């Protein structure tokens, strides 16, 4: 999947780098970082294309993290929520899908509903 890196994204990376330099200048009391922050800020505003390699690398890392985190989070969600609920419902004998009825008989296990919808059924649906 090809991604277009925009001028705005390059500018944002430059501003983030300048912000990091400012934080380092204040926390370490090394004011040379403040000068670098000013240089990075000016470069990000005038020639943001210079930050293209950094921006490209950053988006590759972000894409990798998105794929990995999605799989980890969905797996955790499945094993923390879905499996315990299924086991609990099996233990309680619940069968919302009527799977046992499909196995037992040769006829249909579907419920027959002879309901005719009227205007009142659709007025306040929520």
PDB file of N, CA and C in Angstrom:
ATOM      1  N   UNK A   1       0.840  -1.170   0.000  1.00  0.00           N
ATOM      2  CA  UNK A   1       0.000   0.000   0.000  1.00  0.00           C
ATOM      3  C   UNK A   1       0.887   1.235   0.000  1.00  0.00           C
ATOM      4  N   UNK A   2       0.780   2.020  -1.042  1.00  0.00           N
ATOM      5  CA  UNK A   2       1.604   3.212  -1.174  1.00  0.00           C
ATOM      6  C   UNK A   2       0.914   4.381  -0.491  1.00  0.00           C
ATOM      7  N   UNK A   3       1.724   5.171   0.215  1.00  0.00           N
ATOM      8  CA  UNK A   3       1.162   6.309   0.922  1.00  0.00           C
ATOM      9  C   UNK A   3       1.871   7.572   0.481  1.00  0.00           C
ATOM     10  N   UNK A   4       1.109   8.588   0.178  1.00  0.00           N
ATOM     11  CA  UNK A   4       1.661   9.886  -0.186  1.00  0.00           C
ATOM     12  C   UNK A   4       1.968  10.664   1.087  1.00  0.00           C
ATOM     13  N   UNK A   5       3.189  11.113   1.216  1.00  0.00           N
ATOM     14  CA  UNK A   5       3.568  11.936   2.360  1.00  0.00           C
ATOM     15  C   UNK A   5       3.446  13.387   1.933  1.00  0.00           C
ATOM     16  N   UNK A   6       2.681  14.141   2.692  1.00  0.00           N
ATOM     17  CA  UNK A   6       2.373  15.517   2.309  1.00  0.00           C
ATOM     18  C   UNK A   6       3.356  16.503   2.929  1.00  0.00           C
ATOM     19  N   UNK A   7       3.325  17.701   2.424  1.00  0.00           N
ATOM     20  CA  UNK A   7       4.150  18.788   2.958  1.00  0.00           C
ATOM     21  C   UNK A   7       3.780  19.060   4.415  1.00  0.00           C
ATOM     22  N   UNK A   8       2.499  18.977   4.715  1.00  0.00           N
ATOM     23  CA  UNK A   8       2.036  19.219   6.085  1.00  0.00           C
ATOM     24  C   UNK A   8       2.629  18.196   7.048  1.00  0.00           C
ATOM     25  N   UNK A   9       2.681  16.929   6.644  1.00  0.00           N
ATOM     26  CA  UNK A   9       3.251  15.898   7.502  1.00  0.00           C
ATOM     27  C   UNK A   9       4.738  16.144   7.738  1.00  0.00           C
ATOM     28  N   UNK A  10       5.458  16.546   6.695  1.00  0.00           N
ATOM     29  CA  UNK A  10       6.879  16.870   6.860  1.00  0.00           C
ATOM     30  C   UNK A  10       7.055  18.045   7.817  1.00  0.00           C
ATOM     31  N   UNK A  11       6.207  19.058   7.687  1.00  0.00           N
ATOM     32  CA  UNK A  11       6.276  20.222   8.577  1.00  0.00           C
ATOM     33  C   UNK A  11       6.005  19.811  10.017  1.00  0.00           C
ATOM     34  N   UNK A  12       5.015  18.937  10.213  1.00  0.00           N
ATOM     35  CA  UNK A  12       4.685  18.493  11.565  1.00  0.00           C
ATOM     36  C   UNK A  12       5.846  17.745  12.210  1.00  0.00           C
ATOM     37  N   UNK A  13       6.525  16.897  11.440  1.00  0.00           N
ATOM     38  CA  UNK A  13       7.683  16.174  11.979  1.00  0.00           C
ATOM     39  C   UNK A  13       8.772  17.156  12.386  1.00  0.00           C
ATOM     40  N   UNK A  14       9.010  18.172  11.561  1.00  0.00           N
ATOM     41  CA  UNK A  14      10.006  19.190  11.905  1.00  0.00           C
ATOM     42  C   UNK A  14       9.634  19.943  13.169  1.00  0.00           C
ATOM     43  N   UNK A  15       8.358  20.272  13.321  1.00  0.00           N
ATOM     44  CA  UNK A  15       7.918  20.979  14.528  1.00  0.00           C
ATOM     45  C   UNK A  15       8.015  20.091  15.764  1.00  0.00           C
ATOM     46  N   UNK A  16       7.735  18.817  15.600  1.00  0.00           N
ATOM     47  CA  UNK A  16       7.884  17.888  16.723  1.00  0.00           C
ATOM     48  C   UNK A  16       9.349  17.791  17.126  1.00  0.00           C
ATOM     49  N   UNK A  17      10.244  17.714  16.148  1.00  0.00           N
ATOM     50  CA  UNK A  17      11.679  17.671  16.453  1.00  0.00           C
ATOM     51  C   UNK A  17      12.114  18.947  17.164  1.00  0.00           C
ATOM     52  N   UNK A  18      11.594  20.094  16.730  1.00  0.00           N
ATOM     53  CA  UNK A  18      11.917  21.357  17.397  1.00  0.00           C
ATOM     54  C   UNK A  18      11.386  21.356  18.820  1.00  0.00           C
ATOM     55  N   UNK A  19      10.195  20.830  19.018  1.00  0.00           N
ATOM     56  CA  UNK A  19       9.625  20.744  20.362  1.00  0.00           C
ATOM     57  C   UNK A  19      10.440  19.851  21.275  1.00  0.00           C
ATOM     58  N   UNK A  20      10.930  18.738  20.742  1.00  0.00           N
ATOM     59  CA  UNK A  20      11.776  17.845  21.537  1.00  0.00           C
ATOM     60  C   UNK A  20      13.057  18.556  21.939  1.00  0.00           C
ATOM     61  N   UNK A  21      13.646  19.308  21.013  1.00  0.00           N
ATOM     62  CA  UNK A  21      14.860  20.069  21.339  1.00  0.00           C
ATOM     63  C   UNK A  21      14.581  21.105  22.423  1.00  0.00           C
ATOM     64  N   UNK A  22      13.429  21.756  22.357  1.00  0.00           N
ATOM     65  CA  UNK A  22      13.087  22.733  23.401  1.00  0.00           C
ATOM     66  C   UNK A  22      12.917  22.069  24.756  1.00  0.00           C
ATOM     67  N   UNK A  23      12.280  20.918  24.783  1.00  0.00           N
ATOM     68  CA  UNK A  23      12.120  20.190  26.047  1.00  0.00           C
ATOM     69  C   UNK A  23      13.481  19.796  26.601  1.00  0.00           C
ATOM     70  N   UNK A  24      14.375  19.327  25.739  1.00  0.00           N
ATOM     71  CA  UNK A  24      15.726  18.979  26.189  1.00  0.00           C
ATOM     72  C   UNK A  24      16.472  20.206  26.708  1.00  0.00           C
ATOM     73  N   UNK A  25      16.289  21.343  26.052  1.00  0.00           N
ATOM     74  CA  UNK A  25      16.959  22.573  26.497  1.00  0.00           C
ATOM     75  C   UNK A  25      16.497  22.965  27.889  1.00  0.00           C
ATOM     76  N   UNK A  26      15.211  22.853  28.143  1.00  0.00           N
ATOM     77  CA  UNK A  26      14.680  23.273  29.445  1.00  0.00           C
ATOM     78  C   UNK A  26      15.014  22.260  30.529  1.00  0.00           C
ATOM     79  N   UNK A  27      14.863  20.979  30.244  1.00  0.00           N
ATOM     80  CA  UNK A  27      15.070  19.970  31.286  1.00  0.00           C
ATOM     81  C   UNK A  27      16.544  19.740  31.609  1.00  0.00           C
ATOM     82  N   UNK A  28      17.422  19.861  30.630  1.00  0.00           N
ATOM     83  CA  UNK A  28      18.851  19.612  30.871  1.00  0.00           C
ATOM     84  C   UNK A  28      19.657  20.891  31.052  1.00  0.00           C
ATOM     85  N   UNK A  29      19.011  22.021  30.926  1.00  0.00           N
ATOM     86  CA  UNK A  29      19.674  23.328  31.058  1.00  0.00           C
ATOM     87  C   UNK A  29      20.856  23.452  30.102  1.00  0.00           C
ATOM     88  N   UNK A  30      20.696  22.883  28.913  1.00  0.00           N
ATOM     89  CA  UNK A  30      21.700  23.014  27.860  1.00  0.00           C
ATOM     90  C   UNK A  30      21.051  23.818  26.742  1.00  0.00           C
ATOM     91  N   UNK A  31      21.344  25.088  26.706  1.00  0.00           N
ATOM     92  CA  UNK A  31      20.623  26.006  25.836  1.00  0.00           C
ATOM     93  C   UNK A  31      21.034  25.904  24.375  1.00  0.00           C
ATOM     94  N   UNK A  32      22.008  25.062  24.074  1.00  0.00           N
ATOM     95  CA  UNK A  32      22.349  24.795  22.678  1.00  0.00           C
ATOM     96  C   UNK A  32      21.198  24.100  21.954  1.00  0.00           C
ATOM     97  N   UNK A  33      20.431  23.315  22.717  1.00  0.00           N
ATOM     98  CA  UNK A  33      19.260  22.659  22.138  1.00  0.00           C
ATOM     99  C   UNK A  33      18.214  23.676  21.685  1.00  0.00           C
ATOM    100  N   UNK A  34      18.144  24.818  22.367  1.00  0.00           N
ATOM    101  CA  UNK A  34      17.187  25.858  21.971  1.00  0.00           C
ATOM    102  C   UNK A  34      17.560  26.423  20.601  1.00  0.00           C
ATOM    103  N   UNK A  35      18.852  26.565  20.349  1.00  0.00           N
ATOM    104  CA  UNK A  35      19.300  27.017  19.031  1.00  0.00           C
ATOM    105  C   UNK A  35      18.946  26.005  17.951  1.00  0.00           C
ATOM    106  N   UNK A  36      19.151  24.722  18.255  1.00  0.00           N
ATOM    107  CA  UNK A  36      18.773  23.677  17.303  1.00  0.00           C
ATOM    108  C   UNK A  36      17.264  23.672  17.072  1.00  0.00           C
ATOM    109  N   UNK A  37      16.515  23.936  18.123  1.00  0.00           N
ATOM    110  CA  UNK A  37      15.057  23.991  17.977  1.00  0.00           C
ATOM    111  C   UNK A  37      14.655  25.104  17.022  1.00  0.00           C
ATOM    112  N   UNK A  38      15.312  26.252  17.142  1.00  0.00           N
ATOM    113  CA  UNK A  38      15.004  27.367  16.251  1.00  0.00           C
ATOM    114  C   UNK A  38      15.355  27.020  14.800  1.00  0.00           C
ATOM    115  N   UNK A  39      16.513  26.391  14.613  1.00  0.00           N
ATOM    116  CA  UNK A  39      16.924  25.987  13.262  1.00  0.00           C
ATOM    117  C   UNK A  39      15.933  24.973  12.679  1.00  0.00           C
ATOM    118  N   UNK A  40      15.562  23.971  13.479  1.00  0.00           N
ATOM    119  CA  UNK A  40      14.615  22.959  13.000  1.00  0.00           C
ATOM    120  C   UNK A  40      13.256  23.567  12.673  1.00  0.00           C
ATOM    121  N   UNK A  41      12.831  24.515  13.487  1.00  0.00           N
ATOM    122  CA  UNK A  41      11.548  25.170  13.243  1.00  0.00           C
ATOM    123  C   UNK A  41      11.573  25.959  11.938  1.00  0.00           C
ATOM    124  N   UNK A  42      12.648  26.704  11.719  1.00  0.00           N
ATOM    125  CA  UNK A  42      12.755  27.475  10.477  1.00  0.00           C
ATOM    126  C   UNK A  42      12.829  26.565   9.252  1.00  0.00           C
ATOM    127  N   UNK A  43      13.605  25.485   9.357  1.00  0.00           N
ATOM    128  CA  UNK A  43      13.724  24.553   8.231  1.00  0.00           C
ATOM    129  C   UNK A  43      12.377  23.880   7.959  1.00  0.00           C
ATOM    130  N   UNK A  44      11.650  23.532   9.019  1.00  0.00           N
ATOM    131  CA  UNK A  44      10.359  22.866   8.810  1.00  0.00           C
ATOM    132  C   UNK A  44       9.340  23.793   8.169  1.00  0.00           C
ATOM    133  N   UNK A  45       9.489  25.093   8.381  1.00  0.00           N
ATOM    134  CA  UNK A  45       8.563  26.038   7.762  1.00  0.00           C
ATOM    135  C   UNK A  45       8.974  26.414   6.342  1.00  0.00           C
ATOM    136  N   UNK A  46      10.296  26.478   6.082  1.00  0.00           N
ATOM    137  CA  UNK A  46      10.777  26.923   4.775  1.00  0.00           C
ATOM    138  C   UNK A  46      10.981  25.741   3.816  1.00  0.00           C
ATOM    139  N   UNK A  47      11.650  24.694   4.271  1.00  0.00           N
ATOM    140  CA  UNK A  47      11.955  23.527   3.425  1.00  0.00           C
ATOM    141  C   UNK A  47      11.533  22.228   4.118  1.00  0.00           C
ATOM    142  N   UNK A  48      10.262  21.991   4.253  1.00  0.00           N
ATOM    143  CA  UNK A  48       9.835  20.785   4.971  1.00  0.00           C
ATOM    144  C   UNK A  48      10.194  19.489   4.248  1.00  0.00           C
ATOM    145  N   UNK A  49      10.532  19.565   2.962  1.00  0.00           N
ATOM    146  CA  UNK A  49      10.883  18.361   2.219  1.00  0.00           C
ATOM    147  C   UNK A  49      12.158  17.714   2.781  1.00  0.00           C
ATOM    148  N   UNK A  50      12.967  18.461   3.512  1.00  0.00           N
ATOM    149  CA  UNK A  50      14.177  17.892   4.117  1.00  0.00           C
ATOM    150  C   UNK A  50      13.840  16.855   5.189  1.00  0.00           C
ATOM    151  N   UNK A  51      12.617  16.911   5.709  1.00  0.00           N
ATOM    152  CA  UNK A  51      12.201  15.956   6.735  1.00  0.00           C
ATOM    153  C   UNK A  51      11.524  14.726   6.139  1.00  0.00           C
ATOM    154  N   UNK A  52      11.516  14.606   4.814  1.00  0.00           N
ATOM    155  CA  UNK A  52      10.842  13.485   4.154  1.00  0.00           C
ATOM    156  C   UNK A  52      11.353  12.120   4.623  1.00  0.00           C
ATOM    157  N   UNK A  53      12.678  11.883   4.702  1.00  0.00           N
ATOM    158  CA  UNK A  53      13.132  10.550   5.137  1.00  0.00           C
ATOM    159  C   UNK A  53      12.665  10.201   6.551  1.00  0.00           C
ATOM    160  N   UNK A  54      12.697  11.179   7.439  1.00  0.00           N
ATOM    161  CA  UNK A  54      12.255  10.930   8.814  1.00  0.00           C
ATOM    162  C   UNK A  54      10.754  10.652   8.829  1.00  0.00           C
ATOM    163  N   UNK A  55       9.997  11.430   8.061  1.00  0.00           N
ATOM    164  CA  UNK A  55       8.547  11.236   7.997  1.00  0.00           C
ATOM    165  C   UNK A  55       8.216   9.868   7.420  1.00  0.00           C
ATOM    166  N   UNK A  56       8.910   9.470   6.371  1.00  0.00           N
ATOM    167  CA  UNK A  56       8.662   8.173   5.752  1.00  0.00           C
ATOM    168  C   UNK A  56       8.928   7.040   6.742  1.00  0.00           C
ATOM    169  N   UNK A  57      10.061   7.112   7.447  1.00  0.00           N
ATOM    170  CA  UNK A  57      10.388   6.081   8.444  1.00  0.00           C
ATOM    171  C   UNK A  57       9.339   6.049   9.554  1.00  0.00           C
ATOM    172  N   UNK A  58       8.910   7.217   9.994  1.00  0.00           N
ATOM    173  CA  UNK A  58       7.919   7.300  11.067  1.00  0.00           C
ATOM    174  C   UNK A  58       6.608   6.630  10.645  1.00  0.00           C
ATOM    175  N   UNK A  59       6.169   6.867   9.420  1.00  0.00           N
ATOM    176  CA  UNK A  59       4.919   6.277   8.958  1.00  0.00           C
ATOM    177  C   UNK A  59       5.049   4.774   8.734  1.00  0.00           C
ATOM    178  N   UNK A  60       6.243   4.300   8.394  1.00  0.00           N
ATOM    179  CA  UNK A  60       6.432   2.853   8.272  1.00  0.00           C
ATOM    180  C   UNK A  60       6.323   2.183   9.638  1.00  0.00           C
ATOM    181  N   UNK A  61       6.918   2.793  10.652  1.00  0.00           N
ATOM    182  CA  UNK A  61       6.807   2.268  12.018  1.00  0.00           C
ATOM    183  C   UNK A  61       5.351   2.306  12.472  1.00  0.00           C
ATOM    184  N   UNK A  62       4.656   3.396  12.175  1.00  0.00           N
ATOM    185  CA  UNK A  62       3.248   3.523  12.569  1.00  0.00           C
ATOM    186  C   UNK A  62       2.392   2.462  11.887  1.00  0.00           C
ATOM    187  N   UNK A  63       2.660   2.197  10.618  1.00  0.00           N
ATOM    188  CA  UNK A  63       1.895   1.172   9.893  1.00  0.00           C
ATOM    189  C   UNK A  63       2.137  -0.209  10.500  1.00  0.00           C
ATOM    190  N   UNK A  64       3.390  -0.515  10.833  1.00  0.00           N
ATOM    191  CA  UNK A  64       3.712  -1.799  11.449  1.00  0.00           C
ATOM    192  C   UNK A  64       3.027  -1.937  12.805  1.00  0.00           C
ATOM    193  N   UNK A  65       3.083  -0.888  13.615  1.00  0.00           N
ATOM    194  CA  UNK A  65       2.432  -0.922  14.924  1.00  0.00           C
ATOM    195  C   UNK A  65       0.924  -1.083  14.798  1.00  0.00           C
ATOM    196  N   UNK A  66       0.336  -0.478  13.791  1.00  0.00           N
ATOM    197  CA  UNK A  66      -1.112  -0.598  13.602  1.00  0.00           C
ATOM    198  C   UNK A  66      -1.501  -2.044  13.314  1.00  0.00           C
ATOM    199  N   UNK A  67      -0.732  -2.707  12.475  1.00  0.00           N
ATOM    200  CA  UNK A  67      -1.044  -4.098  12.140  1.00  0.00           C
ATOM    201  C   UNK A  67      -0.852  -4.997  13.355  1.00  0.00           C
ATOM    202  N   UNK A  68       0.264  -4.838  14.056  1.00  0.00           N
ATOM    203  CA  UNK A  68       0.567  -5.687  15.205  1.00  0.00           C
ATOM    204  C   UNK A  68      -0.416  -5.426  16.337  1.00  0.00           C
ATOM    205  N   UNK A  69      -0.645  -4.163  16.668  1.00  0.00           N
ATOM    206  CA  UNK A  69      -1.543  -3.845  17.772  1.00  0.00           C
ATOM    207  C   UNK A  69      -2.965  -4.288  17.493  1.00  0.00           C
ATOM    208  N   UNK A  70      -3.420  -4.171  16.255  1.00  0.00           N
ATOM    209  CA  UNK A  70      -4.772  -4.598  15.925  1.00  0.00           C
ATOM    210  C   UNK A  70      -4.938  -6.085  16.202  1.00  0.00           C
ATOM    211  N   UNK A  71      -3.978  -6.871  15.795  1.00  0.00           N
ATOM    212  CA  UNK A  71      -4.084  -8.321  16.012  1.00  0.00           C
ATOM    213  C   UNK A  71      -4.005  -8.662  17.489  1.00  0.00           C
ATOM    214  N   UNK A  72      -3.130  -7.991  18.217  1.00  0.00           N
ATOM    215  CA  UNK A  72      -3.006  -8.263  19.646  1.00  0.00           C
ATOM    216  C   UNK A  72      -4.281  -7.864  20.373  1.00  0.00           C
ATOM    217  N   UNK A  73      -4.796  -6.675  20.087  1.00  0.00           N
ATOM    218  CA  UNK A  73      -5.996  -6.203  20.782  1.00  0.00           C
ATOM    219  C   UNK A  73      -7.218  -7.053  20.451  1.00  0.00           C
ATOM    220  N   UNK A  74      -7.385  -7.434  19.200  1.00  0.00           N
ATOM    221  CA  UNK A  74      -8.533  -8.268  18.851  1.00  0.00           C
ATOM    222  C   UNK A  74      -8.425  -9.661  19.462  1.00  0.00           C
ATOM    223  N   UNK A  75      -7.223 -10.204  19.541  1.00  0.00           N
ATOM    224  CA  UNK A  75      -7.038 -11.499  20.188  1.00  0.00           C
ATOM    225  C   UNK A  75      -7.354 -11.409  21.666  1.00  0.00           C
ATOM    226  N   UNK A  76      -6.852 -10.366  22.330  1.00  0.00           N
ATOM    227  CA  UNK A  76      -7.162 -10.182  23.748  1.00  0.00           C
ATOM    228  C   UNK A  76      -8.655  -9.987  23.973  1.00  0.00           C
ATOM    229  N   UNK A  77      -9.282  -9.182  23.134  1.00  0.00           N
ATOM    230  CA  UNK A  77     -10.719  -8.958  23.249  1.00  0.00           C
ATOM    231  C   UNK A  77     -11.483 -10.271  23.115  1.00  0.00           C
ATOM    232  N   UNK A  78     -11.090 -11.104  22.180  1.00  0.00           N
ATOM    233  CA  UNK A  78     -11.766 -12.379  21.980  1.00  0.00           C
ATOM    234  C   UNK A  78     -11.625 -13.269  23.208  1.00  0.00           C
ATOM    235  N   UNK A  79     -10.400 -13.411  23.723  1.00  0.00           N
ATOM    236  CA  UNK A  79     -10.186 -14.332  24.829  1.00  0.00           C
ATOM    237  C   UNK A  79     -10.635 -13.773  26.173  1.00  0.00           C
ATOM    238  N   UNK A  80     -10.731 -12.460  26.307  1.00  0.00           N
ATOM    239  CA  UNK A  80     -11.163 -11.870  27.579  1.00  0.00           C
ATOM    240  C   UNK A  80     -12.682 -11.714  27.638  1.00  0.00           C
ATOM    241  N   UNK A  81     -13.331 -11.440  26.501  1.00  0.00           N
ATOM    242  CA  UNK A  81     -14.779 -11.209  26.509  1.00  0.00           C
ATOM    243  C   UNK A  81     -15.586 -12.338  25.876  1.00  0.00           C
ATOM    244  N   UNK A  82     -15.271 -12.703  24.664  1.00  0.00           N
ATOM    245  CA  UNK A  82     -16.125 -13.625  23.916  1.00  0.00           C
ATOM    246  C   UNK A  82     -16.067 -15.041  24.477  1.00  0.00           C
ATOM    247  N   UNK A  83     -14.878 -15.561  24.729  1.00  0.00           N
ATOM    248  CA  UNK A  83     -14.754 -16.932  25.224  1.00  0.00           C
ATOM    249  C   UNK A  83     -15.414 -17.099  26.596  1.00  0.00           C
ATOM    250  N   UNK A  84     -15.166 -16.222  27.586  1.00  0.00           N
ATOM    251  CA  UNK A  84     -15.849 -16.403  28.871  1.00  0.00           C
ATOM    252  C   UNK A  84     -17.375 -16.305  28.781  1.00  0.00           C
ATOM    253  N   UNK A  85     -17.882 -15.400  27.958  1.00  0.00           N
ATOM    254  CA  UNK A  85     -19.340 -15.295  27.805  1.00  0.00           C
ATOM    255  C   UNK A  85     -19.893 -16.574  27.184  1.00  0.00           C
ATOM    256  N   UNK A  86     -19.222 -17.109  26.191  1.00  0.00           N
ATOM    257  CA  UNK A  86     -19.663 -18.358  25.575  1.00  0.00           C
ATOM    258  C   UNK A  86     -19.628 -19.523  26.546  1.00  0.00           C
ATOM    259  N   UNK A  87     -18.565 -19.612  27.332  1.00  0.00           N
ATOM    260  CA  UNK A  87     -18.474 -20.688  28.323  1.00  0.00           C
ATOM    261  C   UNK A  87     -19.538 -20.539  29.400  1.00  0.00           C
ATOM    262  N   UNK A  88     -19.781 -19.310  29.824  1.00  0.00           N
ATOM    263  CA  UNK A  88     -20.799 -19.068  30.849  1.00  0.00           C
ATOM    264  C   UNK A  88     -22.185 -19.430  30.313  1.00  0.00           C
ATOM    265  N   UNK A  89     -22.480 -19.057  29.072  1.00  0.00           N
ATOM    266  CA  UNK A  89     -23.789 -19.378  28.490  1.00  0.00           C
ATOM    267  C   UNK A  89     -23.938 -20.890  28.295  1.00  0.00           C
ATOM    268  N   UNK A  90     -22.875 -21.568  27.932  1.00  0.00           N
ATOM    269  CA  UNK A  90     -22.942 -23.026  27.804  1.00  0.00           C
ATOM    270  C   UNK A  90     -23.177 -23.666  29.167  1.00  0.00           C
ATOM    271  N   UNK A  91     -22.503 -23.159  30.192  1.00  0.00           N
ATOM    272  CA  UNK A  91     -22.658 -23.684  31.549  1.00  0.00           C
ATOM    273  C   UNK A  91     -24.087 -23.475  32.054  1.00  0.00           C
ATOM    274  N   UNK A  92     -24.699 -22.341  31.705  1.00  0.00           N
ATOM    275  CA  UNK A  92     -26.068 -22.024  32.127  1.00  0.00           C
ATOM    276  C   UNK A  92     -27.117 -22.724  31.259  1.00  0.00           C
ATOM    277  N   UNK A  93     -26.702 -23.340  30.174  1.00  0.00           N
ATOM    278  CA  UNK A  93     -27.636 -24.050  29.310  1.00  0.00           C
ATOM    279  C   UNK A  93     -28.374 -23.153  28.331  1.00  0.00           C
ATOM    280  N   UNK A  94     -27.862 -21.962  28.072  1.00  0.00           N
ATOM    281  CA  UNK A  94     -28.517 -21.040  27.137  1.00  0.00           C
ATOM    282  C   UNK A  94     -28.237 -21.483  25.702  1.00  0.00           C
ATOM    283  N   UNK A  95     -29.230 -21.320  24.840  1.00  0.00           N
ATOM    284  CA  UNK A  95     -29.076 -21.680  23.435  1.00  0.00           C
ATOM    285  C   UNK A  95     -29.863 -20.692  22.583  1.00  0.00           C
ATOM    286  N   UNK A  96     -29.364 -19.455  22.505  1.00  0.00           N
ATOM    287  CA  UNK A  96     -30.070 -18.402  21.773  1.00  0.00           C
ATOM    288  C   UNK A  96     -30.193 -18.714  20.289  1.00  0.00           C
ATOM    289  N   UNK A  97     -29.222 -19.387  19.736  1.00  0.00           N
ATOM    290  CA  UNK A  97     -29.249 -19.712  18.311  1.00  0.00           C
ATOM    291  C   UNK A  97     -30.036 -20.983  18.010  1.00  0.00           C
ATOM    292  N   UNK A  98     -30.501 -21.656  19.051  1.00  0.00           N
ATOM    293  CA  UNK A  98     -31.279 -22.896  18.927  1.00  0.00           C
ATOM    294  C   UNK A  98     -30.505 -23.955  18.138  1.00  0.00           C
ATOM    295  N   UNK A  99     -29.226 -24.095  18.467  1.00  0.00           N
ATOM    296  CA  UNK A  99     -28.386 -25.064  17.770  1.00  0.00           C
ATOM    297  C   UNK A  99     -28.782 -26.494  18.111  1.00  0.00           C
ATOM    298  N   UNK A 100     -29.219 -26.733  19.357  1.00  0.00           N
ATOM    299  CA  UNK A 100     -29.642 -28.082  19.742  1.00  0.00           C
ATOM    300  C   UNK A 100     -30.892 -28.503  18.972  1.00  0.00           C
ATOM    301  N   UNK A 101     -31.774 -27.564  18.687  1.00  0.00           N
ATOM    302  CA  UNK A 101     -32.993 -27.888  17.944  1.00  0.00           C
ATOM    303  C   UNK A 101     -32.661 -28.303  16.509  1.00  0.00           C
ATOM    304  N   UNK A 102     -31.626 -27.726  15.936  1.00  0.00           N
ATOM    305  CA  UNK A 102     -31.220 -28.129  14.586  1.00  0.00           C
ATOM    306  C   UNK A 102     -30.684 -29.558  14.588  1.00  0.00           C
ATOM    307  N   UNK A 103     -29.987 -29.929  15.651  1.00  0.00           N
ATOM    308  CA  UNK A 103     -29.402 -31.267  15.715  1.00  0.00           C
ATOM    309  C   UNK A 103     -30.450 -32.340  16.007  1.00  0.00           C
ATOM    310  N   UNK A 104     -31.480 -32.001  16.768  1.00  0.00           N
ATOM    311  CA  UNK A 104     -32.421 -33.017  17.252  1.00  0.00           C
ATOM    312  C   UNK A 104     -33.416 -33.480  16.195  1.00  0.00           C
ATOM    313  N   UNK A 105     -34.021 -32.579  15.495  1.00  0.00           N
ATOM    314  CA  UNK A 105     -35.101 -32.978  14.592  1.00  0.00           C
ATOM    315  C   UNK A 105     -34.734 -32.816  13.138  1.00  0.00           C
ATOM    316  N   UNK A 106     -35.576 -33.375  12.317  1.00  0.00           N
ATOM    317  CA  UNK A 106     -35.345 -33.243  10.885  1.00  0.00           C
ATOM    318  C   UNK A 106     -36.067 -32.028  10.320  1.00  0.00           C
ATOM    319  N   UNK A 107     -37.025 -31.486  11.079  1.00  0.00           N
ATOM    320  CA  UNK A 107     -37.766 -30.314  10.627  1.00  0.00           C
ATOM    321  C   UNK A 107     -37.008 -29.035  10.933  1.00  0.00           C
ATOM    322  N   UNK A 108     -37.644 -27.941  10.688  1.00  0.00           N
ATOM    323  CA  UNK A 108     -37.028 -26.641  10.913  1.00  0.00           C
ATOM    324  C   UNK A 108     -37.061 -26.285  12.392  1.00  0.00           C
ATOM    325  N   UNK A 109     -36.020 -25.657  12.859  1.00  0.00           N
ATOM    326  CA  UNK A 109     -35.966 -25.200  14.241  1.00  0.00           C
ATOM    327  C   UNK A 109     -36.308 -23.721  14.352  1.00  0.00           C
ATOM    328  N   UNK A 110     -36.651 -23.101  13.247  1.00  0.00           N
ATOM    329  CA  UNK A 110     -36.964 -21.678  13.255  1.00  0.00           C
ATOM    330  C   UNK A 110     -38.336 -21.446  13.859  1.00  0.00           C
ATOM    331  N   UNK A 111     -38.479 -20.344  14.579  1.00  0.00           N
ATOM    332  CA  UNK A 111     -39.760 -20.000  15.181  1.00  0.00           C
ATOM    333  C   UNK A 111     -40.669 -19.394  14.121  1.00  0.00           C
ATOM    334  N   UNK A 112     -41.908 -19.806  14.134  1.00  0.00           N
ATOM    335  CA  UNK A 112     -42.887 -19.248  13.209  1.00  0.00           C
ATOM    336  C   UNK A 112     -43.496 -18.022  13.871  1.00  0.00           C
ATOM    337  N   UNK A 113     -43.435 -16.897  13.171  1.00  0.00           N
ATOM    338  CA  UNK A 113     -43.995 -15.653  13.708  1.00  0.00           C
ATOM    339  C   UNK A 113     -45.042 -15.146  12.736  1.00  0.00           C
ATOM    340  N   UNK A 114     -46.220 -14.991  13.234  1.00  0.00           N
ATOM    341  CA  UNK A 114     -47.329 -14.515  12.409  1.00  0.00           C
ATOM    342  C   UNK A 114     -47.679 -13.090  12.815  1.00  0.00           C
ATOM    343  N   UNK A 115     -46.696 -12.216  12.837  1.00  0.00           N
ATOM    344  CA  UNK A 115     -46.927 -10.839  13.260  1.00  0.00           C
ATOM    345  C   UNK A 115     -47.031  -9.939  12.034  1.00  0.00           C
ATOM    346  N   UNK A 116     -48.100  -9.168  11.989  1.00  0.00           N
ATOM    347  CA  UNK A 116     -48.278  -8.196  10.918  1.00  0.00           C
ATOM    348  C   UNK A 116     -47.936  -6.828  11.493  1.00  0.00           C
ATOM    349  N   UNK A 117     -46.970  -6.156  10.893  1.00  0.00           N
ATOM    350  CA  UNK A 117     -46.537  -4.858  11.401  1.00  0.00           C
ATOM    351  C   UNK A 117     -47.557  -3.784  11.062  1.00  0.00           C
ATOM    352  N   UNK A 118     -47.795  -2.934  12.050  1.00  0.00           N
ATOM    353  CA  UNK A 118     -48.719  -1.813  11.869  1.00  0.00           C
ATOM    354  C   UNK A 118     -47.956  -0.510  11.986  1.00  0.00           C
ATOM    355  N   UNK A 119     -48.657   0.585  11.789  1.00  0.00           N
ATOM    356  CA  UNK A 119     -48.035   1.908  11.871  1.00  0.00           C
ATOM    357  C   UNK A 119     -47.493   2.167  13.275  1.00  0.00           C
ATOM    358  N   UNK A 120     -48.191   1.710  14.295  1.00  0.00           N
ATOM    359  CA  UNK A 120     -47.774   1.934  15.684  1.00  0.00           C
ATOM    360  C   UNK A 120     -46.458   1.217  16.007  1.00  0.00           C
ATOM    361  N   UNK A 121     -46.176   0.116  15.339  1.00  0.00           N
ATOM    362  CA  UNK A 121     -44.917  -0.599  15.566  1.00  0.00           C
ATOM    363  C   UNK A 121     -43.713   0.223  15.125  1.00  0.00           C
ATOM    364  N   UNK A 122     -43.904   1.096  14.170  1.00  0.00           N
ATOM    365  CA  UNK A 122     -42.789   1.837  13.589  1.00  0.00           C
ATOM    366  C   UNK A 122     -42.710   3.289  14.039  1.00  0.00           C
ATOM    367  N   UNK A 123     -43.639   3.742  14.892  1.00  0.00           N
ATOM    368  CA  UNK A 123     -43.647   5.147  15.308  1.00  0.00           C
ATOM    369  C   UNK A 123     -42.507   5.438  16.266  1.00  0.00           C
ATOM    370  N   UNK A 124     -42.385   4.680  17.336  1.00  0.00           N
ATOM    371  CA  UNK A 124     -41.339   4.897  18.348  1.00  0.00           C
ATOM    372  C   UNK A 124     -40.445   3.662  18.389  1.00  0.00           C
ATOM    373  N   UNK A 125     -39.583   3.533  17.410  1.00  0.00           N
ATOM    374  CA  UNK A 125     -38.747   2.333  17.334  1.00  0.00           C
ATOM    375  C   UNK A 125     -37.637   2.313  18.369  1.00  0.00           C
ATOM    376  N   UNK A 126     -37.233   3.498  18.841  1.00  0.00           N
ATOM    377  CA  UNK A 126     -36.134   3.517  19.805  1.00  0.00           C
ATOM    378  C   UNK A 126     -36.577   4.141  21.096  1.00  0.00           C
TER     379      UNK A 126
END
